[in-house]
Amino acid sequence: MSRRTDKRWKVLPPDTLEGKTVTMADTDVVDTYPQIAAEFMSPIFELDPGDYLITDEADILGFTPFDEADTTELWARIESTYGITQSDVGSSLFIRIFEEIAKRRRMQ
C-alpha cells in the first residue's frame, strides 16, 4: 500500500488529454539501476515499487506537488540517506542521482 499523502495526488479535469498524444520517454538508462531506484523512492518520496514510473528524463521536481518548486527538503533527505548533494550530482535527473549513488557504492 502506498504511503503517499492524499494532498499530493492531483486529479486532472475531464478531457484534459483529449485529442492529445502522450509519448513516453525512454527508460534505457534508468532500467540499469532497478535496485537503486527501488531503494531510493521509499525513503525520499515515501513511494513503494509500483507506485511510480521513472524515465530517463525524469527529475525530482516531477515528484513534488504541482504548486511547489522547492526541492531543498528532498535534497536534504538525499544527503542524509546517501551522502550526496545536488552539487555532487550536478543535476536533478534521477539517472544522474542513481549514477552517483552507484559510483559511490563501487568506491566503498
Protein backbone atom coordinates (compact mmCIF):
# COMPACT_ATOMS: atom_id res chain seq x y z
CA MET A 1 0.00 0.00 0.00
CA SER A 2 1.27 3.46 -0.88
CA ARG A 3 2.30 5.80 1.89
CA ARG A 4 1.87 8.84 -0.32
CA THR A 5 -0.28 11.52 1.29
CA ASP A 6 -3.59 12.46 -0.30
CA LYS A 7 -2.61 16.12 -0.62
CA ARG A 8 -0.02 15.16 -3.23
CA TRP A 9 -2.46 13.42 -5.57
CA LYS A 10 -3.90 15.70 -8.24
CA VAL A 11 -6.86 14.75 -10.38
CA LEU A 12 -6.86 16.14 -13.89
CA PRO A 13 -10.08 17.69 -15.09
CA PRO A 14 -12.08 15.54 -17.53
CA ASP A 15 -10.99 15.79 -21.17
CA THR A 16 -7.59 17.30 -20.22
CA LEU A 17 -5.75 14.97 -22.56
CA GLU A 18 -8.49 14.55 -25.13
CA GLY A 19 -7.07 14.79 -28.65
CA LYS A 20 -3.50 14.85 -27.36
CA THR A 21 -0.77 12.28 -27.82
CA VAL A 22 1.34 11.28 -24.84
CA THR A 23 4.79 9.94 -25.67
CA MET A 24 6.79 8.16 -23.00
CA ALA A 25 10.48 8.97 -22.68
CA ASP A 26 12.98 6.13 -22.86
CA THR A 27 13.86 4.13 -19.77
CA ASP A 28 17.07 2.52 -21.08
CA VAL A 29 19.43 4.19 -18.58
CA VAL A 30 17.16 4.17 -15.54
CA ASP A 31 16.44 0.48 -16.16
CA THR A 32 20.11 -0.24 -15.42
CA TYR A 33 19.52 0.84 -11.79
CA PRO A 34 16.38 -1.04 -10.69
CA GLN A 35 17.66 -1.82 -7.18
CA ILE A 36 18.84 1.75 -6.53
CA ALA A 37 15.55 3.14 -7.85
CA ALA A 38 13.53 0.89 -5.54
CA GLU A 39 15.72 1.77 -2.55
CA PHE A 40 15.69 5.49 -3.38
CA MET A 41 11.98 6.13 -3.88
CA SER A 42 10.87 4.80 -0.50
CA PRO A 43 12.90 6.98 1.91
CA ILE A 44 12.96 10.06 -0.30
CA PHE A 45 9.38 10.14 -1.65
CA GLU A 46 7.61 7.56 0.54
CA LEU A 47 6.66 5.60 -2.57
CA ASP A 48 6.74 1.84 -2.89
CA PRO A 49 7.71 -0.09 -6.04
CA GLY A 50 4.80 0.06 -8.46
CA ASP A 51 3.67 3.47 -7.20
CA TYR A 52 5.81 5.41 -9.66
CA LEU A 53 7.25 5.49 -13.17
CA ILE A 54 10.71 6.90 -13.77
CA THR A 55 12.02 7.62 -17.26
CA ASP A 56 15.47 8.69 -18.39
CA GLU A 57 14.22 12.30 -18.47
CA ALA A 58 12.52 12.27 -15.03
CA ASP A 59 13.81 14.51 -12.30
CA ILE A 60 12.92 15.04 -8.66
CA LEU A 61 10.90 18.17 -9.41
CA GLY A 62 8.43 15.96 -11.26
CA PHE A 63 7.71 14.22 -7.96
CA THR A 64 6.90 17.35 -5.98
CA PRO A 65 3.39 18.75 -5.57
CA PHE A 66 2.21 20.83 -8.54
CA ASP A 67 2.20 24.04 -6.54
CA GLU A 68 5.73 23.62 -5.14
CA ALA A 69 9.11 24.01 -6.82
CA ASP A 70 11.41 23.93 -3.80
CA THR A 71 13.46 20.73 -3.67
CA THR A 72 15.57 21.76 -0.67
CA GLU A 73 13.89 19.28 1.67
CA LEU A 74 14.28 16.46 -0.86
CA TRP A 75 17.98 17.19 -1.30
CA ALA A 76 18.37 17.24 2.49
CA ARG A 77 16.83 13.74 2.60
CA ILE A 78 19.07 12.58 -0.25
CA GLU A 79 22.16 13.93 1.50
CA SER A 80 21.13 12.38 4.81
CA THR A 81 20.39 8.99 3.25
CA TYR A 82 23.08 8.74 0.55
CA GLY A 83 25.68 11.37 1.48
CA ILE A 84 25.41 13.18 -1.84
CA THR A 85 24.39 16.74 -2.62
CA GLN A 86 22.99 18.39 -5.71
CA SER A 87 26.43 19.86 -6.41
CA ASP A 88 27.89 16.33 -6.32
CA VAL A 89 25.39 15.23 -8.96
CA GLY A 90 25.15 18.44 -10.98
CA SER A 91 21.57 17.65 -11.93
CA SER A 92 18.21 16.72 -10.50
CA LEU A 93 17.69 13.93 -13.04
CA PHE A 94 17.11 10.57 -11.41
CA ILE A 95 19.58 8.88 -13.75
CA ARG A 96 22.36 11.25 -12.64
CA ILE A 97 21.47 10.73 -8.96
CA PHE A 98 21.41 6.95 -9.41
CA GLU A 99 24.74 7.03 -11.27
CA GLU A 100 26.32 8.96 -8.38
CA ILE A 101 24.92 6.52 -5.81
CA ALA A 102 26.24 3.57 -7.87
CA LYS A 103 29.63 5.25 -8.26
CA ARG A 104 29.97 5.79 -4.51
CA ARG A 105 28.96 2.20 -3.80
CA ARG A 106 31.64 0.91 -6.18
CA MET A 107 34.25 3.04 -4.36
CA GLN A 108 33.39 1.52 -0.96
